[in-house]
Amino acid sequence: MTPSKAHVIGDIVISARPFADYVAQFALSDPMLRSGRVLDCPGGASDFAAAVRNMGGQATSIDPCYGGSTARLTQHITADLTRVLAWTAAQPGRFPMDEHGVWCHAPAWRAAADAFLADFRRDRDQNTGHYQPAALPRLPFLDDSFTLAVSGFLLFTYPRQFDVDFHLRALRELLRVAAEVRVHPLNDSARNPYPMLETVLEHLAEDGIRVDLIAVPGQSDTRDTQTLRLTRR
């Protein structure tokens, strides 16, 4: 397959994908989000976990960026959003733009980042442990701590940064702590399918993991239309 001519975004982004995007891209339902503990890994600057808790569910976010000060995290989020907007603006045929040439999803991302930061500050003040600094492939949880783990825009998205061994260790770790794992998307930021996906899935199948592909609507990118679902048999 010929690689996409779309732009690779570069360094890993702290993204502020809103709750609605999570629901669509991971094919989630309200009962699913209320029925057990949910892990968002990496959580980035999304308001997803806060929204799950607001609807009566239980959710924890993991990301290495949570280890610094709130001020520094805010600066990092702002810088990465600026980078995302420049990246989308350079591809107007790929991303919908408003009349000013700004990505149409930008307001939703800003609102999600604001909601996340407000909740993150509350978490720091009250020491609730909703946001924990950690990174794949090692998570600070006991086996079967979660009913569901969602992992967006890290695995498969940065093949230059993470090799096959990392992907396998990361997915096995998510499956250690959660009964079901959903990963989106299955391509890099330039729409190139992850070249070693079949190899990764074969190894997981040998582990006894059930592998399914779910058709989902593309949110940020209309061509990101598949989500990987992994469940322990």
C-alpha atoms as a PDB file:
ATOM      1  CA  MET A   1       0.000   0.000   0.000  1.00  0.00           C
ATOM      2  CA  THR A   2       1.307   3.440  -0.919  1.00  0.00           C
ATOM      3  CA  PRO A   3       1.953   5.573   2.183  1.00  0.00           C
ATOM      4  CA  SER A   4      -0.384   8.518   2.667  1.00  0.00           C
ATOM      5  CA  LYS A   5       0.775  11.968   1.616  1.00  0.00           C
ATOM      6  CA  ALA A   6      -0.946  13.467   4.651  1.00  0.00           C
ATOM      7  CA  HIS A   7       1.331  15.013   7.237  1.00  0.00           C
ATOM      8  CA  VAL A   8       2.774  13.088  10.182  1.00  0.00           C
ATOM      9  CA  ILE A   9       2.258  15.181  13.289  1.00  0.00           C
ATOM     10  CA  GLY A  10       5.693  14.471  14.772  1.00  0.00           C
ATOM     11  CA  ASP A  11       6.273  14.305  18.518  1.00  0.00           C
ATOM     12  CA  ILE A  12       3.609  12.787  20.765  1.00  0.00           C
ATOM     13  CA  VAL A  13       0.739  15.200  21.375  1.00  0.00           C
ATOM     14  CA  ILE A  14      -1.080  15.776  24.645  1.00  0.00           C
ATOM     15  CA  SER A  15      -4.485  15.773  23.019  1.00  0.00           C
ATOM     16  CA  ALA A  16      -7.715  17.231  24.384  1.00  0.00           C
ATOM     17  CA  ARG A  17     -10.194  14.939  22.671  1.00  0.00           C
ATOM     18  CA  PRO A  18     -13.665  15.571  24.094  1.00  0.00           C
ATOM     19  CA  PHE A  19     -15.967  13.011  25.685  1.00  0.00           C
ATOM     20  CA  ALA A  20     -18.170  12.822  22.568  1.00  0.00           C
ATOM     21  CA  ASP A  21     -15.179  11.789  20.470  1.00  0.00           C
ATOM     22  CA  TYR A  22     -14.344   9.002  22.904  1.00  0.00           C
ATOM     23  CA  VAL A  23     -17.904   7.685  22.835  1.00  0.00           C
ATOM     24  CA  ALA A  24     -17.873   7.581  19.031  1.00  0.00           C
ATOM     25  CA  GLN A  25     -14.340   6.354  18.377  1.00  0.00           C
ATOM     26  CA  PHE A  26     -14.474   3.580  21.013  1.00  0.00           C
ATOM     27  CA  ALA A  27     -18.140   2.644  20.377  1.00  0.00           C
ATOM     28  CA  LEU A  28     -19.089   3.218  24.016  1.00  0.00           C
ATOM     29  CA  SER A  29     -22.532   3.258  25.623  1.00  0.00           C
ATOM     30  CA  ASP A  30     -23.809   4.862  28.820  1.00  0.00           C
ATOM     31  CA  PRO A  31     -24.448   1.485  30.520  1.00  0.00           C
ATOM     32  CA  MET A  32     -20.922   0.373  29.674  1.00  0.00           C
ATOM     33  CA  LEU A  33     -19.461   3.502  31.256  1.00  0.00           C
ATOM     34  CA  ARG A  34     -21.590   3.185  34.400  1.00  0.00           C
ATOM     35  CA  SER A  35     -21.206  -0.549  35.001  1.00  0.00           C
ATOM     36  CA  GLY A  36     -17.562  -0.792  36.073  1.00  0.00           C
ATOM     37  CA  ARG A  37     -14.218   0.941  36.479  1.00  0.00           C
ATOM     38  CA  VAL A  38     -12.830   2.539  33.321  1.00  0.00           C
ATOM     39  CA  LEU A  39      -9.177   3.311  32.577  1.00  0.00           C
ATOM     40  CA  ASP A  40      -8.150   6.019  30.101  1.00  0.00           C
ATOM     41  CA  CYS A  41      -4.546   5.387  29.088  1.00  0.00           C
ATOM     42  CA  PRO A  42      -3.140   7.774  28.052  1.00  0.00           C
ATOM     43  CA  GLY A  43      -5.638  10.334  29.287  1.00  0.00           C
ATOM     44  CA  GLY A  44      -3.906  13.462  28.013  1.00  0.00           C
ATOM     45  CA  ALA A  45      -5.995  16.599  28.410  1.00  0.00           C
ATOM     46  CA  SER A  46      -9.331  14.938  27.684  1.00  0.00           C
ATOM     47  CA  ASP A  47     -12.458  15.572  29.739  1.00  0.00           C
ATOM     48  CA  PHE A  48     -13.527  11.943  29.161  1.00  0.00           C
ATOM     49  CA  ALA A  49     -12.846  10.587  32.645  1.00  0.00           C
ATOM     50  CA  ALA A  50     -14.364  13.648  34.337  1.00  0.00           C
ATOM     51  CA  ALA A  51     -17.498  13.240  32.221  1.00  0.00           C
ATOM     52  CA  VAL A  52     -17.734   9.538  33.118  1.00  0.00           C
ATOM     53  CA  ARG A  53     -17.578  10.414  36.815  1.00  0.00           C
ATOM     54  CA  ASN A  54     -20.159  13.163  36.352  1.00  0.00           C
ATOM     55  CA  MET A  55     -22.578  10.599  34.904  1.00  0.00           C
ATOM     56  CA  GLY A  56     -22.107   8.292  37.884  1.00  0.00           C
ATOM     57  CA  GLY A  57     -19.312   6.072  36.607  1.00  0.00           C
ATOM     58  CA  GLN A  58     -15.804   5.396  37.851  1.00  0.00           C
ATOM     59  CA  ALA A  59     -12.841   6.441  35.717  1.00  0.00           C
ATOM     60  CA  THR A  60      -9.107   6.872  36.182  1.00  0.00           C
ATOM     61  CA  SER A  61      -6.675   8.574  33.805  1.00  0.00           C
ATOM     62  CA  ILE A  62      -3.022   7.670  33.363  1.00  0.00           C
ATOM     63  CA  ASP A  63      -0.451   9.818  31.596  1.00  0.00           C
ATOM     64  CA  PRO A  64       3.218  10.653  32.235  1.00  0.00           C
ATOM     65  CA  CYS A  65       2.382  14.354  31.781  1.00  0.00           C
ATOM     66  CA  TYR A  66       0.485  14.329  35.092  1.00  0.00           C
ATOM     67  CA  GLY A  67       3.712  14.182  37.072  1.00  0.00           C
ATOM     68  CA  GLY A  68       4.659  17.862  36.800  1.00  0.00           C
ATOM     69  CA  SER A  69       3.134  21.074  38.047  1.00  0.00           C
ATOM     70  CA  THR A  70      -0.293  22.215  36.910  1.00  0.00           C
ATOM     71  CA  ALA A  71       1.217  25.387  35.452  1.00  0.00           C
ATOM     72  CA  ARG A  72       3.704  23.451  33.365  1.00  0.00           C
ATOM     73  CA  LEU A  73       1.027  21.003  32.213  1.00  0.00           C
ATOM     74  CA  THR A  74      -1.194  23.919  31.174  1.00  0.00           C
ATOM     75  CA  GLN A  75       1.646  25.386  29.106  1.00  0.00           C
ATOM     76  CA  HIS A  76       2.296  22.023  27.466  1.00  0.00           C
ATOM     77  CA  ILE A  77      -1.376  21.538  26.599  1.00  0.00           C
ATOM     78  CA  THR A  78      -1.603  25.042  25.117  1.00  0.00           C
ATOM     79  CA  ALA A  79       1.524  24.500  23.024  1.00  0.00           C
ATOM     80  CA  ASP A  80       0.315  21.142  21.739  1.00  0.00           C
ATOM     81  CA  LEU A  81      -3.108  22.516  20.825  1.00  0.00           C
ATOM     82  CA  THR A  82      -1.375  25.259  18.856  1.00  0.00           C
ATOM     83  CA  ARG A  83       0.661  22.580  17.085  1.00  0.00           C
ATOM     84  CA  VAL A  84      -2.456  20.550  16.299  1.00  0.00           C
ATOM     85  CA  LEU A  85      -4.190  23.608  14.838  1.00  0.00           C
ATOM     86  CA  ALA A  86      -1.188  24.359  12.610  1.00  0.00           C
ATOM     87  CA  TRP A  87      -1.076  20.707  11.547  1.00  0.00           C
ATOM     88  CA  THR A  88      -4.764  20.644  10.615  1.00  0.00           C
ATOM     89  CA  ALA A  89      -4.581  24.038   8.881  1.00  0.00           C
ATOM     90  CA  ALA A  90      -1.884  22.642   6.588  1.00  0.00           C
ATOM     91  CA  GLN A  91      -4.352  19.935   5.440  1.00  0.00           C
ATOM     92  CA  PRO A  92      -7.639  21.699   4.617  1.00  0.00           C
ATOM     93  CA  GLY A  93      -8.691  18.875   2.326  1.00  0.00           C
ATOM     94  CA  ARG A  94      -8.460  16.419   5.185  1.00  0.00           C
ATOM     95  CA  PHE A  95      -9.917  18.362   8.106  1.00  0.00           C
ATOM     96  CA  PRO A  96     -13.076  20.536   8.063  1.00  0.00           C
ATOM     97  CA  MET A  97     -12.363  24.243   8.498  1.00  0.00           C
ATOM     98  CA  ASP A  98     -14.516  27.192   9.510  1.00  0.00           C
ATOM     99  CA  GLU A  99     -14.769  30.433   7.532  1.00  0.00           C
ATOM    100  CA  HIS A 100     -11.537  31.643   9.146  1.00  0.00           C
ATOM    101  CA  GLY A 101      -9.538  28.588   8.129  1.00  0.00           C
ATOM    102  CA  VAL A 102      -9.534  27.156  11.668  1.00  0.00           C
ATOM    103  CA  TRP A 103     -10.218  23.482  12.304  1.00  0.00           C
ATOM    104  CA  CYS A 104     -13.904  23.064  13.170  1.00  0.00           C
ATOM    105  CA  HIS A 105     -13.127  20.805  16.137  1.00  0.00           C
ATOM    106  CA  ALA A 106     -10.871  23.401  17.797  1.00  0.00           C
ATOM    107  CA  PRO A 107     -13.596  24.866  20.096  1.00  0.00           C
ATOM    108  CA  ALA A 108     -14.519  21.391  21.370  1.00  0.00           C
ATOM    109  CA  TRP A 109     -10.859  20.610  22.091  1.00  0.00           C
ATOM    110  CA  ARG A 110     -10.394  23.905  23.951  1.00  0.00           C
ATOM    111  CA  ALA A 111     -13.523  23.255  26.028  1.00  0.00           C
ATOM    112  CA  ALA A 112     -12.346  19.728  26.818  1.00  0.00           C
ATOM    113  CA  ALA A 113      -8.915  21.013  27.871  1.00  0.00           C
ATOM    114  CA  ASP A 114     -10.504  23.643  30.136  1.00  0.00           C
ATOM    115  CA  ALA A 115     -12.772  21.028  31.750  1.00  0.00           C
ATOM    116  CA  PHE A 116      -9.836  18.669  32.196  1.00  0.00           C
ATOM    117  CA  LEU A 117      -7.625  21.306  33.829  1.00  0.00           C
ATOM    118  CA  ALA A 118     -10.383  22.325  36.232  1.00  0.00           C
ATOM    119  CA  ASP A 119     -10.896  18.695  37.226  1.00  0.00           C
ATOM    120  CA  PHE A 120      -7.155  18.076  37.412  1.00  0.00           C
ATOM    121  CA  ARG A 121      -6.775  20.986  39.849  1.00  0.00           C
ATOM    122  CA  ARG A 122      -9.601  19.598  41.999  1.00  0.00           C
ATOM    123  CA  ASP A 123      -7.908  16.208  41.961  1.00  0.00           C
ATOM    124  CA  ARG A 124      -4.635  17.750  43.134  1.00  0.00           C
ATOM    125  CA  ASP A 125      -6.380  19.757  45.865  1.00  0.00           C
ATOM    126  CA  GLN A 126      -8.465  16.841  47.141  1.00  0.00           C
ATOM    127  CA  ASN A 127      -5.970  14.038  46.462  1.00  0.00           C
ATOM    128  CA  THR A 128      -8.630  11.822  44.878  1.00  0.00           C
ATOM    129  CA  GLY A 129      -6.187   9.931  42.655  1.00  0.00           C
ATOM    130  CA  HIS A 130      -8.214  10.306  39.489  1.00  0.00           C
ATOM    131  CA  TYR A 131      -5.124  11.365  37.513  1.00  0.00           C
ATOM    132  CA  GLN A 132      -1.967   9.339  38.013  1.00  0.00           C
ATOM    133  CA  PRO A 133       1.449   9.865  36.396  1.00  0.00           C
ATOM    134  CA  ALA A 134       2.442   6.599  34.738  1.00  0.00           C
ATOM    135  CA  ALA A 135       3.106   5.244  31.275  1.00  0.00           C
ATOM    136  CA  LEU A 136       2.796   2.065  29.306  1.00  0.00           C
ATOM    137  CA  PRO A 137       4.044  -0.622  29.373  1.00  0.00           C
ATOM    138  CA  ARG A 138       3.980  -0.565  33.207  1.00  0.00           C
ATOM    139  CA  LEU A 139       0.861   0.487  35.074  1.00  0.00           C
ATOM    140  CA  PRO A 140       0.500   0.894  38.874  1.00  0.00           C
ATOM    141  CA  PHE A 141      -2.566  -1.323  39.234  1.00  0.00           C
ATOM    142  CA  LEU A 142      -3.392  -4.831  40.394  1.00  0.00           C
ATOM    143  CA  ASP A 143      -4.659  -7.462  37.973  1.00  0.00           C
ATOM    144  CA  ASP A 144      -8.296  -6.981  36.900  1.00  0.00           C
ATOM    145  CA  SER A 145      -8.565  -3.502  38.400  1.00  0.00           C
ATOM    146  CA  PHE A 146     -10.790  -2.286  35.553  1.00  0.00           C
ATOM    147  CA  THR A 147     -13.712  -3.516  33.514  1.00  0.00           C
ATOM    148  CA  LEU A 148     -12.643  -1.528  30.462  1.00  0.00           C
ATOM    149  CA  ALA A 149      -9.484   0.242  29.289  1.00  0.00           C
ATOM    150  CA  VAL A 150      -9.484   2.664  26.368  1.00  0.00           C
ATOM    151  CA  SER A 151      -6.286   3.758  24.676  1.00  0.00           C
ATOM    152  CA  GLY A 152      -6.444   6.432  22.004  1.00  0.00           C
ATOM    153  CA  PHE A 153      -3.903   7.952  19.670  1.00  0.00           C
ATOM    154  CA  LEU A 154      -0.748   6.441  21.100  1.00  0.00           C
ATOM    155  CA  LEU A 155      -0.469   2.779  20.130  1.00  0.00           C
ATOM    156  CA  PHE A 156      -0.181   2.369  16.340  1.00  0.00           C
ATOM    157  CA  THR A 157      -0.110   6.173  15.973  1.00  0.00           C
ATOM    158  CA  TYR A 158       3.647   6.640  16.518  1.00  0.00           C
ATOM    159  CA  PRO A 159       5.379   3.656  14.840  1.00  0.00           C
ATOM    160  CA  ARG A 160       8.667   5.544  14.615  1.00  0.00           C
ATOM    161  CA  GLN A 161       8.772   6.037  18.366  1.00  0.00           C
ATOM    162  CA  PHE A 162       7.464   2.601  19.465  1.00  0.00           C
ATOM    163  CA  ASP A 163       8.489  -0.775  18.077  1.00  0.00           C
ATOM    164  CA  VAL A 164       6.531  -4.031  17.917  1.00  0.00           C
ATOM    165  CA  ASP A 165       7.882  -5.216  21.260  1.00  0.00           C
ATOM    166  CA  PHE A 166       6.593  -2.068  22.956  1.00  0.00           C
ATOM    167  CA  HIS A 167       3.156  -2.518  21.400  1.00  0.00           C
ATOM    168  CA  LEU A 168       2.926  -6.107  22.596  1.00  0.00           C
ATOM    169  CA  ARG A 169       4.074  -5.264  26.121  1.00  0.00           C
ATOM    170  CA  ALA A 170       1.700  -2.305  26.279  1.00  0.00           C
ATOM    171  CA  LEU A 171      -1.329  -4.271  25.101  1.00  0.00           C
ATOM    172  CA  ARG A 172      -0.568  -7.183  27.408  1.00  0.00           C
ATOM    173  CA  GLU A 173      -0.264  -4.768  30.314  1.00  0.00           C
ATOM    174  CA  LEU A 174      -3.625  -3.191  29.488  1.00  0.00           C
ATOM    175  CA  LEU A 175      -5.135  -6.672  29.313  1.00  0.00           C
ATOM    176  CA  ARG A 176      -3.595  -7.508  32.672  1.00  0.00           C
ATOM    177  CA  VAL A 177      -5.408  -4.672  34.407  1.00  0.00           C
ATOM    178  CA  ALA A 178      -8.635  -4.644  32.358  1.00  0.00           C
ATOM    179  CA  ALA A 179     -11.014  -7.347  31.152  1.00  0.00           C
ATOM    180  CA  GLU A 180     -11.557  -5.526  27.858  1.00  0.00           C
ATOM    181  CA  VAL A 181      -9.294  -3.139  25.954  1.00  0.00           C
ATOM    182  CA  ARG A 182     -10.242  -0.852  23.065  1.00  0.00           C
ATOM    183  CA  VAL A 183      -7.624   0.922  20.937  1.00  0.00           C
ATOM    184  CA  HIS A 184      -8.155   3.632  18.318  1.00  0.00           C
ATOM    185  CA  PRO A 185      -7.040   4.334  15.615  1.00  0.00           C
ATOM    186  CA  LEU A 186      -5.125   1.601  13.779  1.00  0.00           C
ATOM    187  CA  ASN A 187      -2.996   3.978  11.719  1.00  0.00           C
ATOM    188  CA  ASP A 188      -0.481   6.742  12.219  1.00  0.00           C
ATOM    189  CA  SER A 189      -1.239  10.458  12.080  1.00  0.00           C
ATOM    190  CA  ALA A 190      -0.761  10.443   8.294  1.00  0.00           C
ATOM    191  CA  ARG A 191      -3.362   7.673   7.832  1.00  0.00           C
ATOM    192  CA  ASN A 192      -0.756   5.003   7.124  1.00  0.00           C
ATOM    193  CA  PRO A 193      -1.986   1.663   8.566  1.00  0.00           C
ATOM    194  CA  TYR A 194       0.264   0.284  11.286  1.00  0.00           C
ATOM    195  CA  PRO A 195       2.478  -2.086   9.254  1.00  0.00           C
ATOM    196  CA  MET A 196       2.932  -4.701  11.981  1.00  0.00           C
ATOM    197  CA  LEU A 197      -0.687  -4.900  13.123  1.00  0.00           C
ATOM    198  CA  GLU A 198      -1.213  -8.447  11.860  1.00  0.00           C
ATOM    199  CA  THR A 199       1.908  -9.621  13.687  1.00  0.00           C
ATOM    200  CA  VAL A 200       0.777  -7.999  16.944  1.00  0.00           C
ATOM    201  CA  LEU A 201      -2.700  -9.500  16.687  1.00  0.00           C
ATOM    202  CA  GLU A 202      -1.324 -12.962  15.923  1.00  0.00           C
ATOM    203  CA  HIS A 203       0.758 -12.859  19.097  1.00  0.00           C
ATOM    204  CA  LEU A 204      -2.240 -11.763  21.143  1.00  0.00           C
ATOM    205  CA  ALA A 205      -4.393 -14.511  19.653  1.00  0.00           C
ATOM    206  CA  GLU A 206      -1.710 -17.005  20.702  1.00  0.00           C
ATOM    207  CA  ASP A 207      -2.092 -15.609  24.229  1.00  0.00           C
ATOM    208  CA  GLY A 208      -5.764 -16.588  24.104  1.00  0.00           C
ATOM    209  CA  ILE A 209      -7.013 -13.056  23.506  1.00  0.00           C
ATOM    210  CA  ARG A 210     -10.129 -12.546  21.434  1.00  0.00           C
ATOM    211  CA  VAL A 211      -9.515  -9.958  18.718  1.00  0.00           C
ATOM    212  CA  ASP A 212     -12.307  -7.958  17.047  1.00  0.00           C
ATOM    213  CA  LEU A 213     -12.407  -4.924  14.789  1.00  0.00           C
ATOM    214  CA  ILE A 214     -15.303  -2.521  15.340  1.00  0.00           C
ATOM    215  CA  ALA A 215     -16.504  -0.127  12.638  1.00  0.00           C
ATOM    216  CA  VAL A 216     -16.797   3.391  14.081  1.00  0.00           C
ATOM    217  CA  PRO A 217     -17.415   6.875  12.656  1.00  0.00           C
ATOM    218  CA  GLY A 218     -14.317   8.982  12.145  1.00  0.00           C
ATOM    219  CA  GLN A 219     -14.332  11.968  14.463  1.00  0.00           C
ATOM    220  CA  SER A 220     -11.186  14.112  14.220  1.00  0.00           C
ATOM    221  CA  ASP A 221     -10.345  12.389  10.943  1.00  0.00           C
ATOM    222  CA  THR A 222     -13.215  10.910   8.939  1.00  0.00           C
ATOM    223  CA  ARG A 223     -11.042   7.997   7.762  1.00  0.00           C
ATOM    224  CA  ASP A 224     -10.189   6.705  11.252  1.00  0.00           C
ATOM    225  CA  THR A 225     -13.054   4.226  11.092  1.00  0.00           C
ATOM    226  CA  GLN A 226     -11.812   1.121  12.926  1.00  0.00           C
ATOM    227  CA  THR A 227     -11.321   0.379  16.595  1.00  0.00           C
ATOM    228  CA  LEU A 228      -9.566  -2.672  17.991  1.00  0.00           C
ATOM    229  CA  ARG A 229     -11.386  -4.588  20.732  1.00  0.00           C
ATOM    230  CA  LEU A 230      -9.421  -7.109  22.815  1.00  0.00           C
ATOM    231  CA  THR A 231     -11.002  -9.368  25.409  1.00  0.00           C
ATOM    232  CA  ARG A 232      -9.661 -12.165  27.541  1.00  0.00           C
ATOM    233  CA  ARG A 233     -11.420 -15.444  26.760  1.00  0.00           C
END
